């Protein structure tokens, strides 16, 4: 059991009537010796609810709670929205269910997952808006003790950061979306038009920048899943790289801003601050990172920001599909519980790892578990076996306890690791200054630290085995950055977003399908056939939302 879990708060405010009541249900997680306790629902008027620091904390944890939905990071945004890609695909070539239609790029504008994710993210934004409006009005915010004022400033900062995060998710998924920075009231106009994404990026950056000073560093806060200062800087660096990359514009073209280097410079600055700050470092063991997730252990030095999951029965809500959909296939009769393993890997990735790279057999599982809880070896790279290779970072046999539910787990979903910070720094530094020499502060230095850990070497010492060859050009080094992000971060929810901002998603999908069929014959991968350039880089604006709000225009080519 985790040492400490977030308190989950549910804001049960009526969506379509009036958003002036604040409803909370408090789920307190302490230790594995205590049951989860649920307080009865209570209703409070928004203007009277915010009375003390405990109220403010409950309110901001209600903003975090959106991340624990299967409509967001419990399933859709962690697993389904990141495939099909050049690293993974959804098992099955048919379109018999929602996850396959979405993964294979053969979905309609009314797809349920697309609609439900949209609504969940806006629910989170509205909760954040409520917190942001009310905390500064509290008497304690100005007149409380220094401890009370610091806690309220932290709660306000977290709400701003999370509002920025949810808008960042919306922009990456849907492009231009309505921008709303005040919580919804009965008298509000509910039919807002879409806002240019550049204006939304301005708001995201403002929110996160304002939040950072009042958020504690990981070493200064309790061991929980609330955002730390370093993690907030890392996510903001990701925002800058996303803004500086390519995206599908409303003119139907993939474009990047003319001043994109300005955003790369900010990403470089923020990641360097994290690196120089010394609050985070690489775990010496790549395997230990993922065993910690499976064993429900928090380790914030490397794992900088996680979405918290826990449900005492294992059912919904507050549980996820992490470790069942993206785990080695496990028969239902096994002591570990079932893993359907719908998430399958592209087998050529295994060969991209060098022989001494220890990450390959952690990232990729070449076995399954039968009903007798025995491993069945699938390492022979014949078609029948490679079709069953899966991500190996989340494994039923690593979870160490009997399952509470056949489908769901309490495994957290990681949103930022320190190795990602190092790779973002390498990408931004290379874009601005080139790779440089293999010395402290260079792009080479940052990327090689990640590789050395992957090869089991000391990260602060040059390694003839792990280090990239010197003398690479800026363009050659960028190719290595793209490859290293695949080798290090595969199946962690970033690949499609990376390929989109590099303007390589469609090209990559078609090349992957061509290579698979050349090597294995009729391989069950069809994303290259269905992906349409200048369309599928974004999801459509949900049709149900457009039916309600005629001011919402549709994305290109839908």
Protein backbone atom coordinates (compact mmCIF):
# COMPACT_ATOMS: atom_id res chain seq x y z
CA UNK A 1 0.00 0.00 0.00
CA UNK A 2 1.18 3.51 -0.65
CA UNK A 3 2.51 5.45 2.30
CA UNK A 4 0.02 8.17 1.67
CA UNK A 5 -2.67 8.85 -0.90
CA UNK A 6 -4.44 11.97 -1.97
CA UNK A 7 -7.74 12.69 -0.36
CA UNK A 8 -10.23 12.40 -3.17
CA UNK A 9 -12.92 15.02 -3.27
CA UNK A 10 -15.94 14.80 -5.50
CA UNK A 11 -17.62 18.04 -6.47
CA UNK A 12 -21.18 16.91 -7.06
CA UNK A 13 -22.36 20.23 -8.44
CA UNK A 14 -25.28 20.18 -10.87
CA UNK A 15 -23.87 20.73 -14.36
CA UNK A 16 -26.97 21.91 -16.16
CA UNK A 17 -28.82 23.81 -13.45
CA UNK A 18 -26.69 26.04 -11.24
CA UNK A 19 -23.03 25.93 -10.23
CA UNK A 20 -23.47 27.80 -6.98
CA UNK A 21 -23.47 24.77 -4.68
CA UNK A 22 -20.26 23.08 -3.69
CA UNK A 23 -20.66 19.39 -2.95
CA UNK A 24 -17.86 17.36 -1.47
CA UNK A 25 -17.36 13.79 -0.43
CA UNK A 26 -14.12 13.18 1.42
CA UNK A 27 -12.16 9.96 0.84
CA UNK A 28 -9.32 9.75 3.32
CA UNK A 29 -6.51 7.29 2.66
CA UNK A 30 -4.11 6.69 5.52
CA UNK A 31 -2.54 3.26 5.72
CA UNK A 32 -3.30 -0.28 4.66
CA UNK A 33 -4.49 -1.07 8.19
CA UNK A 34 -7.43 1.32 7.87
CA UNK A 35 -10.49 1.18 5.71
CA UNK A 36 -11.29 3.96 3.33
CA UNK A 37 -13.77 6.19 5.11
CA UNK A 38 -16.38 8.07 3.15
CA UNK A 39 -18.18 11.02 4.72
CA UNK A 40 -21.78 11.62 3.69
CA UNK A 41 -22.47 14.09 0.92
CA UNK A 42 -23.04 17.63 2.12
CA UNK A 43 -24.05 20.70 0.17
CA UNK A 44 -22.56 24.12 0.82
CA UNK A 45 -23.14 27.44 -0.89
CA UNK A 46 -19.95 28.38 -2.69
CA UNK A 47 -19.72 31.77 -0.97
CA UNK A 48 -19.86 30.20 2.52
CA UNK A 49 -18.00 26.95 1.96
CA UNK A 50 -14.47 28.39 1.94
CA UNK A 51 -14.01 29.05 5.63
CA UNK A 52 -10.63 27.56 6.60
CA UNK A 53 -7.55 25.84 5.20
CA UNK A 54 -9.16 22.41 5.47
CA UNK A 55 -12.07 23.55 3.29
CA UNK A 56 -9.65 25.01 0.75
CA UNK A 57 -7.60 21.82 0.65
CA UNK A 58 -10.70 19.68 0.12
CA UNK A 59 -11.77 21.98 -2.68
CA UNK A 60 -8.45 21.82 -4.52
CA UNK A 61 -8.29 18.05 -4.08
CA UNK A 62 -11.64 18.04 -5.84
CA UNK A 63 -9.82 19.56 -8.82
CA UNK A 64 -7.21 16.78 -8.67
CA UNK A 65 -10.00 14.17 -8.52
CA UNK A 66 -10.77 14.67 -12.22
CA UNK A 67 -7.42 13.02 -13.02
CA UNK A 68 -8.59 9.82 -11.31
CA UNK A 69 -11.48 9.34 -13.73
CA UNK A 70 -11.36 6.60 -16.32
CA UNK A 71 -12.57 9.30 -18.71
CA UNK A 72 -9.17 10.95 -18.28
CA UNK A 73 -5.98 9.33 -16.96
CA UNK A 74 -7.57 6.13 -15.67
CA UNK A 75 -8.10 4.85 -19.20
CA UNK A 76 -8.80 7.17 -22.14
CA UNK A 77 -5.91 9.63 -21.94
CA UNK A 78 -3.35 7.23 -20.51
CA UNK A 79 -3.94 4.25 -22.78
CA UNK A 80 -6.38 4.62 -25.68
CA UNK A 81 -5.46 8.14 -26.79
CA UNK A 82 -1.77 7.24 -27.21
CA UNK A 83 -2.22 4.45 -29.75
CA UNK A 84 -2.01 3.34 -32.51
CA UNK A 85 1.51 4.68 -32.98
CA UNK A 86 4.92 3.51 -34.15
CA UNK A 87 5.40 1.85 -30.73
CA UNK A 88 2.08 0.16 -30.03
CA UNK A 89 -1.32 -0.76 -31.41
CA UNK A 90 -4.67 -1.89 -30.08
CA UNK A 91 -5.15 -5.64 -30.44
CA UNK A 92 -7.66 -6.59 -33.12
CA UNK A 93 -8.22 -5.21 -36.61
CA UNK A 94 -11.98 -4.99 -36.32
CA UNK A 95 -14.08 -2.04 -35.19
CA UNK A 96 -16.35 -3.88 -32.79
CA UNK A 97 -15.83 -1.55 -29.84
CA UNK A 98 -15.00 2.02 -28.97
CA UNK A 99 -11.34 1.54 -28.11
CA UNK A 100 -10.53 -0.10 -31.47
CA UNK A 101 -12.32 2.49 -33.58
CA UNK A 102 -10.47 5.26 -31.79
CA UNK A 103 -7.05 3.58 -31.87
CA UNK A 104 -7.30 2.66 -35.54
CA UNK A 105 -8.44 6.16 -36.66
CA UNK A 106 -11.86 5.05 -37.84
CA UNK A 107 -14.09 6.94 -35.42
CA UNK A 108 -17.08 9.27 -35.74
CA UNK A 109 -17.43 12.78 -34.32
CA UNK A 110 -19.87 11.43 -31.74
CA UNK A 111 -17.44 8.90 -30.26
CA UNK A 112 -18.18 8.45 -26.56
CA UNK A 113 -14.57 8.57 -25.35
CA UNK A 114 -13.95 11.86 -27.15
CA UNK A 115 -17.10 13.37 -25.65
CA UNK A 116 -16.52 12.07 -22.13
CA UNK A 117 -12.90 13.25 -21.98
CA UNK A 118 -13.95 16.73 -23.15
CA UNK A 119 -16.62 16.96 -20.46
CA UNK A 120 -14.36 15.64 -17.70
CA UNK A 121 -11.62 18.16 -18.50
CA UNK A 122 -14.09 21.04 -18.50
CA UNK A 123 -15.51 19.74 -15.23
CA UNK A 124 -11.99 19.98 -13.80
CA UNK A 125 -11.56 23.49 -15.17
CA UNK A 126 -14.83 24.61 -13.64
CA UNK A 127 -13.80 23.21 -10.26
CA UNK A 128 -10.48 25.03 -10.57
CA UNK A 129 -12.27 28.27 -11.47
CA UNK A 130 -14.42 27.96 -8.34
CA UNK A 131 -11.34 27.51 -6.14
CA UNK A 132 -9.43 30.35 -7.83
CA UNK A 133 -12.38 32.71 -7.35
CA UNK A 134 -13.00 31.92 -3.68
CA UNK A 135 -9.66 31.38 -1.94
CA UNK A 136 -8.51 35.02 -2.37
CA UNK A 137 -11.82 36.14 -0.81
CA UNK A 138 -11.20 34.21 2.40
CA UNK A 139 -10.40 36.37 5.44
CA UNK A 140 -7.67 33.92 6.35
CA UNK A 141 -5.96 34.48 2.98
CA UNK A 142 -4.99 38.01 4.08
CA UNK A 143 -5.24 37.85 7.88
CA UNK A 144 -4.43 34.28 8.86
CA UNK A 145 -1.21 32.98 10.39
CA UNK A 146 1.82 32.61 8.14
CA UNK A 147 1.23 28.85 8.07
CA UNK A 148 -2.42 29.32 7.09
CA UNK A 149 -1.61 31.87 4.42
CA UNK A 150 1.12 29.64 2.97
CA UNK A 151 -1.30 26.69 2.75
CA UNK A 152 -3.96 28.83 1.07
CA UNK A 153 -1.43 30.20 -1.41
CA UNK A 154 -0.42 26.62 -2.17
CA UNK A 155 -4.04 25.56 -2.73
CA UNK A 156 -4.63 28.53 -5.02
CA UNK A 157 -1.43 27.74 -6.93
CA UNK A 158 -2.41 24.09 -7.37
CA UNK A 159 -5.81 25.09 -8.75
CA UNK A 160 -4.14 27.41 -11.24
CA UNK A 161 -1.64 24.75 -12.27
CA UNK A 162 -4.37 22.14 -12.75
CA UNK A 163 -6.51 24.54 -14.77
CA UNK A 164 -3.49 25.05 -17.00
CA UNK A 165 -2.91 21.30 -17.25
CA UNK A 166 -6.50 20.57 -18.24
CA UNK A 167 -6.45 23.31 -20.87
CA UNK A 168 -3.16 21.91 -22.20
CA UNK A 169 -4.83 18.51 -22.56
CA UNK A 170 -7.78 20.09 -24.35
CA UNK A 171 -5.58 22.04 -26.76
CA UNK A 172 -3.49 19.00 -27.64
CA UNK A 173 -6.54 16.82 -28.16
CA UNK A 174 -9.03 19.23 -29.79
CA UNK A 175 -7.11 22.36 -30.86
CA UNK A 176 -9.05 25.61 -30.44
CA UNK A 177 -11.57 25.23 -27.60
CA UNK A 178 -13.72 27.62 -25.55
CA UNK A 179 -11.71 29.46 -22.88
CA UNK A 180 -13.49 30.04 -19.60
CA UNK A 181 -11.72 31.36 -16.52
CA UNK A 182 -14.73 31.95 -14.26
CA UNK A 183 -16.85 29.23 -12.71
CA UNK A 184 -20.24 28.68 -14.28
CA UNK A 185 -23.34 30.38 -12.91
CA UNK A 186 -26.98 29.96 -13.87
CA UNK A 187 -27.00 33.28 -15.71
CA UNK A 188 -23.95 32.50 -17.86
CA UNK A 189 -24.00 32.15 -21.61
CA UNK A 190 -23.39 28.44 -22.15
CA UNK A 191 -22.73 28.77 -25.89
CA UNK A 192 -19.22 30.12 -26.10
CA UNK A 193 -17.33 30.00 -29.39
CA UNK A 194 -13.88 28.46 -29.73
CA UNK A 195 -10.82 30.46 -28.71
CA UNK A 196 -7.61 30.46 -30.73
CA UNK A 197 -5.18 28.02 -29.16
CA UNK A 198 -2.47 30.70 -28.96
CA UNK A 199 -4.65 32.69 -26.57
CA UNK A 200 -5.28 29.53 -24.56
CA UNK A 201 -1.54 28.82 -24.45
CA UNK A 202 -1.07 32.33 -23.05
CA UNK A 203 -3.50 31.47 -20.26
CA UNK A 204 -1.88 28.08 -19.59
CA UNK A 205 1.55 29.66 -19.30
CA UNK A 206 0.24 32.47 -17.09
CA UNK A 207 -1.52 30.00 -14.78
CA UNK A 208 1.46 27.69 -14.40
CA UNK A 209 3.99 30.50 -14.09
CA UNK A 210 1.95 32.18 -11.34
CA UNK A 211 1.55 28.83 -9.57
CA UNK A 212 5.19 27.75 -9.39
CA UNK A 213 6.48 30.03 -6.57
CA UNK A 214 3.80 28.90 -4.09
CA UNK A 215 4.15 25.17 -4.73
CA UNK A 216 6.71 23.39 -2.49
CA UNK A 217 9.61 21.35 -3.81
CA UNK A 218 9.32 17.57 -3.60
CA UNK A 219 11.78 17.48 -0.69
CA UNK A 220 9.74 20.04 1.26
CA UNK A 221 6.28 18.46 1.09
CA UNK A 222 4.70 15.32 2.45
CA UNK A 223 4.89 12.09 0.47
CA UNK A 224 1.78 12.37 -1.64
CA UNK A 225 0.71 12.91 -5.23
CA UNK A 226 0.16 16.68 -5.04
CA UNK A 227 2.21 18.64 -7.55
CA UNK A 228 5.73 19.76 -6.56
CA UNK A 229 7.52 22.85 -7.82
CA UNK A 230 9.95 20.85 -9.92
CA UNK A 231 7.11 18.88 -11.48
CA UNK A 232 5.19 22.07 -12.26
CA UNK A 233 8.27 23.46 -14.01
CA UNK A 234 8.65 20.20 -15.94
CA UNK A 235 5.05 20.19 -17.13
CA UNK A 236 5.38 23.87 -18.11
CA UNK A 237 8.50 22.95 -20.12
CA UNK A 238 6.37 20.35 -21.90
CA UNK A 239 3.80 23.05 -22.61
CA UNK A 240 6.48 25.24 -24.19
CA UNK A 241 7.74 22.40 -26.38
CA UNK A 242 4.16 21.63 -27.41
CA UNK A 243 3.52 25.26 -28.29
CA UNK A 244 6.79 25.48 -30.20
CA UNK A 245 6.05 22.35 -32.19
CA UNK A 246 3.76 21.63 -35.12
CA UNK A 247 0.00 21.42 -34.67
CA UNK A 248 -3.03 21.22 -36.92
CA UNK A 249 -4.43 24.70 -37.48
CA UNK A 250 -7.94 25.65 -38.48
CA UNK A 251 -6.69 26.34 -42.01
CA UNK A 252 -6.17 22.58 -42.35
CA UNK A 253 -2.36 22.75 -42.29
CA UNK A 254 0.27 21.48 -39.87
CA UNK A 255 2.24 24.55 -38.83
CA UNK A 256 4.53 25.74 -36.07
CA UNK A 257 4.84 29.33 -34.79
CA UNK A 258 7.39 31.54 -36.51
CA UNK A 259 8.86 32.35 -33.08
CA UNK A 260 9.05 28.71 -32.00
CA UNK A 261 12.62 29.08 -30.77
CA UNK A 262 11.34 31.43 -28.05
CA UNK A 263 9.35 28.54 -26.62
CA UNK A 264 12.29 26.14 -26.88
CA UNK A 265 14.38 28.66 -24.95
CA UNK A 266 11.81 28.69 -22.15
CA UNK A 267 11.72 24.88 -22.09
CA UNK A 268 15.50 24.86 -21.87
CA UNK A 269 15.47 27.39 -19.01
CA UNK A 270 12.90 25.48 -16.95
CA UNK A 271 14.47 22.05 -17.38
CA UNK A 272 17.89 23.47 -16.51
CA UNK A 273 16.42 24.95 -13.33
CA UNK A 274 15.14 21.51 -12.37
CA UNK A 275 18.47 19.85 -13.14
CA UNK A 276 20.47 22.48 -11.26
CA UNK A 277 18.02 22.50 -8.33
CA UNK A 278 19.07 19.05 -7.15
CA UNK A 279 15.63 18.01 -5.86
CA UNK A 280 15.29 15.24 -8.46
CA UNK A 281 17.55 12.54 -9.81
CA UNK A 282 17.48 9.31 -11.79
CA UNK A 283 16.71 6.11 -9.96
CA UNK A 284 19.79 3.93 -10.37
CA UNK A 285 17.55 1.06 -11.54
CA UNK A 286 15.21 1.38 -14.52
CA UNK A 287 13.38 -1.74 -13.39
CA UNK A 288 12.84 -0.36 -9.88
CA UNK A 289 10.88 2.60 -11.25
CA UNK A 290 8.14 0.38 -12.60
CA UNK A 291 8.20 -2.13 -9.78
CA UNK A 292 7.56 0.83 -7.49
CA UNK A 293 4.48 1.75 -9.52
CA UNK A 294 3.21 -1.82 -9.45
CA UNK A 295 3.90 -2.14 -5.71
CA UNK A 296 2.19 1.22 -5.06
CA UNK A 297 5.30 2.94 -3.75
CA UNK A 298 5.92 6.65 -4.17
CA UNK A 299 9.44 7.69 -5.18
CA UNK A 300 9.36 11.39 -6.08
CA UNK A 301 13.06 11.80 -6.89
CA UNK A 302 12.53 10.23 -10.32
CA UNK A 303 8.75 9.94 -10.52
CA UNK A 304 7.94 13.62 -10.28
CA UNK A 305 4.17 13.71 -10.82
CA UNK A 306 1.63 10.89 -10.69
CA UNK A 307 -2.13 10.58 -10.96
CA UNK A 308 -3.38 8.94 -7.78
CA UNK A 309 -5.67 5.90 -7.90
CA UNK A 310 -7.28 3.95 -5.08
CA UNK A 311 -10.58 2.20 -4.54
CA UNK A 312 -11.07 -0.23 -1.62
CA UNK A 313 -13.17 -2.62 -3.68
CA UNK A 314 -11.16 -2.26 -6.87
CA UNK A 315 -14.22 -1.05 -8.78
CA UNK A 316 -14.84 2.34 -10.32
CA UNK A 317 -14.36 5.21 -9.59
CA UNK A 318 -10.75 6.03 -8.65
CA UNK A 319 -9.24 2.90 -10.15
CA UNK A 320 -7.63 2.53 -13.56
CA UNK A 321 -6.86 0.01 -16.29
CA UNK A 322 -3.12 0.51 -15.82
CA UNK A 323 -1.57 -2.93 -15.40
CA UNK A 324 -4.36 -4.87 -17.09
CA UNK A 325 -4.75 -3.43 -20.59
CA UNK A 326 -1.03 -2.68 -20.91
CA UNK A 327 0.40 -5.69 -19.10
CA UNK A 328 1.58 -9.15 -20.21
CA UNK A 329 -1.46 -11.26 -20.99
CA UNK A 330 -2.51 -13.08 -17.82
CA UNK A 331 -5.18 -15.75 -17.56
CA UNK A 332 -8.10 -15.05 -15.24
CA UNK A 333 -7.30 -18.10 -13.12
CA UNK A 334 -3.82 -16.88 -12.23
CA UNK A 335 -3.21 -15.73 -8.66
CA UNK A 336 -2.25 -12.29 -9.98
CA UNK A 337 -5.60 -11.57 -11.60
CA UNK A 338 -6.45 -11.18 -15.25
CA UNK A 339 -4.72 -8.95 -17.78
CA UNK A 340 -6.46 -8.75 -21.14
CA UNK A 341 -3.40 -7.15 -22.73
CA UNK A 342 -5.25 -5.26 -25.45
CA UNK A 343 -2.19 -3.00 -25.69
CA UNK A 344 0.34 -4.68 -28.03
CA UNK A 345 3.81 -3.46 -28.97
CA UNK A 346 5.49 -2.97 -32.33
CA UNK A 347 8.10 -5.77 -32.27
CA UNK A 348 10.77 -3.84 -34.19
CA UNK A 349 11.21 -1.62 -31.15
CA UNK A 350 12.84 -4.52 -29.32
CA UNK A 351 15.61 -4.64 -31.92
CA UNK A 352 16.25 -0.89 -31.61
CA UNK A 353 17.62 -1.42 -28.13
CA UNK A 354 21.34 -2.16 -28.12
CA UNK A 355 22.39 -5.53 -26.65
CA UNK A 356 23.66 -4.02 -23.39
CA UNK A 357 20.60 -1.82 -22.89
CA UNK A 358 18.77 -3.19 -19.86
CA UNK A 359 15.56 -1.33 -20.66
CA UNK A 360 14.44 -3.62 -23.47
CA UNK A 361 13.30 -6.54 -21.30
CA UNK A 362 11.64 -4.17 -18.83
CA UNK A 363 9.80 -2.08 -21.39
CA UNK A 364 8.77 -5.09 -23.49
CA UNK A 365 7.36 -8.32 -22.07
CA UNK A 366 7.88 -11.41 -24.20
CA UNK A 367 5.88 -13.82 -22.07
CA UNK A 368 2.37 -14.44 -20.86
CA UNK A 369 1.02 -16.05 -17.68
CA UNK A 370 -1.26 -19.07 -17.85
CA UNK A 371 -4.12 -20.04 -15.53
CA UNK A 372 -1.63 -21.94 -13.34
CA UNK A 373 0.30 -18.71 -12.76
CA UNK A 374 3.23 -19.99 -14.81
CA UNK A 375 5.14 -17.90 -17.34
CA UNK A 376 4.88 -19.01 -20.96
CA UNK A 377 7.93 -17.98 -22.97
CA UNK A 378 7.21 -16.02 -26.18
CA UNK A 379 10.73 -14.82 -26.94
CA UNK A 380 11.04 -16.66 -30.26
CA UNK A 381 10.34 -13.79 -32.72
CA UNK A 382 7.89 -15.68 -34.93
CA UNK A 383 4.64 -14.00 -35.90
CA UNK A 384 2.51 -16.04 -33.50
CA UNK A 385 4.65 -14.85 -30.60
CA UNK A 386 5.37 -11.22 -31.51
CA UNK A 387 1.65 -10.59 -31.86
CA UNK A 388 1.44 -11.31 -28.11
CA UNK A 389 4.33 -9.08 -27.00
CA UNK A 390 3.10 -6.33 -24.69
CA UNK A 391 4.41 -3.45 -22.62
CA UNK A 392 6.28 -4.81 -19.64
CA UNK A 393 6.42 -1.77 -17.38
CA UNK A 394 3.21 -2.67 -15.55
CA UNK A 395 2.89 -6.37 -14.81
CA UNK A 396 0.30 -8.33 -12.86
CA UNK A 397 3.08 -10.54 -11.46
CA UNK A 398 4.89 -7.45 -10.10
CA UNK A 399 1.87 -6.16 -8.25
CA UNK A 400 2.44 -8.47 -5.31
CA UNK A 401 -1.10 -8.72 -3.96
CA UNK A 402 -4.21 -10.62 -4.89
CA UNK A 403 -6.36 -8.51 -7.20
CA UNK A 404 -9.40 -6.68 -5.84
CA UNK A 405 -10.86 -6.52 -9.33
CA UNK A 406 -10.16 -8.46 -12.52
CA UNK A 407 -9.98 -5.34 -14.67
CA UNK A 408 -8.95 -2.42 -12.47
CA UNK A 409 -5.89 -1.59 -10.37
CA UNK A 410 -4.65 1.07 -7.94
CA UNK A 411 -1.47 1.66 -9.95
CA UNK A 412 -0.76 5.37 -10.38
CA UNK A 413 -0.28 6.82 -13.85
CA UNK A 414 2.96 8.76 -14.18
CA UNK A 415 2.77 12.18 -15.84
CA UNK A 416 6.42 13.21 -15.47
CA UNK A 417 9.68 11.41 -14.77
CA UNK A 418 13.07 13.04 -14.29
CA UNK A 419 14.44 11.23 -17.35
CA UNK A 420 11.82 13.10 -19.40
CA UNK A 421 13.16 16.38 -17.99
CA UNK A 422 16.67 15.41 -19.12
CA UNK A 423 15.42 14.49 -22.59
CA UNK A 424 13.41 17.70 -22.92
CA UNK A 425 16.53 19.63 -21.98
CA UNK A 426 18.56 17.72 -24.59
CA UNK A 427 15.97 18.47 -27.28
CA UNK A 428 15.68 22.17 -26.43
CA UNK A 429 19.44 22.69 -26.00
CA UNK A 430 20.14 20.97 -29.32
CA UNK A 431 17.53 23.10 -31.11
CA UNK A 432 19.08 26.28 -29.75
CA UNK A 433 22.83 25.52 -29.56
CA UNK A 434 23.33 22.15 -31.22
CA UNK A 435 24.52 19.01 -29.39
CA UNK A 436 27.85 20.50 -28.25
CA UNK A 437 30.61 18.41 -26.75
CA UNK A 438 29.98 15.60 -24.29
CA UNK A 439 30.45 17.90 -21.29
CA UNK A 440 28.27 19.09 -18.41
CA UNK A 441 25.39 21.25 -19.64
CA UNK A 442 25.42 20.06 -23.24
CA UNK A 443 22.64 18.23 -25.02
CA UNK A 444 24.98 15.22 -25.26
CA UNK A 445 25.51 15.26 -21.51
CA UNK A 446 21.81 15.30 -20.69
CA UNK A 447 20.82 12.56 -23.12
CA UNK A 448 23.80 10.36 -22.20
CA UNK A 449 22.81 10.38 -18.52
CA UNK A 450 19.53 8.75 -19.50
CA UNK A 451 21.32 6.20 -21.66
CA UNK A 452 23.90 5.37 -18.99
CA UNK A 453 21.19 4.55 -16.48
CA UNK A 454 19.50 2.40 -19.11
CA UNK A 455 22.73 0.46 -19.59
CA UNK A 456 23.22 0.06 -15.82
CA UNK A 457 26.17 2.47 -15.75
CA UNK A 458 26.91 5.36 -13.32
CA UNK A 459 25.14 8.38 -14.79
CA UNK A 460 27.90 10.87 -13.92
CA UNK A 461 30.72 9.01 -15.66
CA UNK A 462 31.44 8.73 -19.40
CA UNK A 463 30.67 5.30 -20.80
CA UNK A 464 32.10 3.92 -24.03
CA UNK A 465 29.22 1.44 -24.06
CA UNK A 466 26.28 3.76 -23.42
CA UNK A 467 27.28 7.21 -24.68
CA UNK A 468 26.33 8.37 -28.15
CA UNK A 469 29.18 8.82 -30.60
CA UNK A 470 30.58 12.34 -30.61
CA UNK A 471 30.49 14.62 -33.63
CA UNK A 472 26.80 14.30 -34.51
CA UNK A 473 25.25 17.21 -36.37
CA UNK A 474 22.23 19.04 -35.00
CA UNK A 475 19.95 17.07 -37.34
CA UNK A 476 21.57 13.73 -36.49
CA UNK A 477 21.34 14.44 -32.79
CA UNK A 478 17.65 15.31 -33.11
CA UNK A 479 17.04 11.90 -34.68
CA UNK A 480 18.73 10.37 -31.62
CA UNK A 481 16.53 12.44 -29.31
CA UNK A 482 13.42 11.11 -31.03
CA UNK A 483 14.71 7.55 -30.77
CA UNK A 484 15.77 7.92 -27.15
CA UNK A 485 12.35 9.25 -26.15
CA UNK A 486 10.90 6.06 -27.62
CA UNK A 487 13.37 3.77 -25.86
CA UNK A 488 13.08 5.50 -22.48
CA UNK A 489 9.45 6.64 -22.34
CA UNK A 490 7.63 4.08 -24.50
CA UNK A 491 4.04 3.32 -23.48
CA UNK A 492 3.95 6.18 -20.96
CA UNK A 493 1.43 8.24 -22.93
CA UNK A 494 3.68 10.65 -24.82
CA UNK A 495 4.44 9.13 -28.21
CA UNK A 496 1.54 10.42 -30.29
CA UNK A 497 1.87 13.92 -28.89
CA UNK A 498 5.61 13.82 -29.66
CA UNK A 499 5.06 12.64 -33.22
CA UNK A 500 2.41 15.31 -33.79
CA UNK A 501 4.60 18.18 -32.57
CA UNK A 502 7.42 16.85 -34.79
CA UNK A 503 4.92 16.58 -37.70
CA UNK A 504 5.71 12.90 -38.18
CA UNK A 505 2.63 11.01 -37.04
CA UNK A 506 1.12 10.05 -40.40
CA UNK A 507 4.50 9.30 -41.99
CA UNK A 508 5.46 7.17 -39.00
CA UNK A 509 2.22 5.16 -39.00
CA UNK A 510 2.48 4.32 -42.69
CA UNK A 511 6.17 3.38 -42.42
CA UNK A 512 5.41 1.17 -39.42
CA UNK A 513 2.67 -0.68 -41.28
CA UNK A 514 4.88 -1.14 -44.32
CA UNK A 515 7.76 -2.51 -42.22
CA UNK A 516 5.52 -4.88 -40.27
CA UNK A 517 4.05 -6.36 -43.42
CA UNK A 518 7.48 -6.63 -45.06
CA UNK A 519 8.87 -8.58 -42.10
CA UNK A 520 5.88 -10.62 -40.93
CA UNK A 521 3.47 -10.71 -43.85
CA UNK A 522 -0.13 -9.94 -43.00
CA UNK A 523 0.46 -8.27 -39.65
CA UNK A 524 -2.68 -7.06 -37.77
CA UNK A 525 -1.81 -3.36 -37.90
CA UNK A 526 -4.05 -1.08 -39.94
CA UNK A 527 -3.47 2.44 -38.62
CA UNK A 528 -1.54 3.43 -41.74
CA UNK A 529 -4.58 2.69 -43.88
CA UNK A 530 -7.01 4.79 -41.86
CA UNK A 531 -4.96 7.74 -40.66
CA UNK A 532 -5.64 10.92 -42.67
CA UNK A 533 -3.06 13.69 -42.66
CA UNK A 534 -4.30 17.13 -41.61
CA UNK A 535 -7.26 15.54 -39.88
CA UNK A 536 -6.36 12.94 -37.28
CA UNK A 537 -3.71 15.05 -35.58
CA UNK A 538 -6.72 16.38 -33.66
CA UNK A 539 -9.86 14.75 -32.39
CA UNK A 540 -13.13 16.26 -33.57
CA UNK A 541 -15.09 18.68 -31.43
CA UNK A 542 -17.63 16.26 -29.87
CA UNK A 543 -20.82 16.22 -31.89
CA UNK A 544 -22.98 16.18 -28.76
CA UNK A 545 -21.38 19.44 -27.68
CA UNK A 546 -21.97 20.96 -31.13
CA UNK A 547 -25.60 19.88 -31.00
CA UNK A 548 -25.97 21.86 -27.76
CA UNK A 549 -23.79 24.79 -28.83
CA UNK A 550 -24.07 25.78 -32.48
CA UNK A 551 -21.23 28.29 -32.02
CA UNK A 552 -18.72 25.45 -31.91
CA UNK A 553 -17.18 24.96 -35.34
CA UNK A 554 -15.66 21.62 -36.32
CA UNK A 555 -12.00 20.72 -36.82
CA UNK A 556 -10.61 20.37 -40.38
CA UNK A 557 -11.76 17.46 -42.53
CA UNK A 558 -14.35 16.05 -40.09
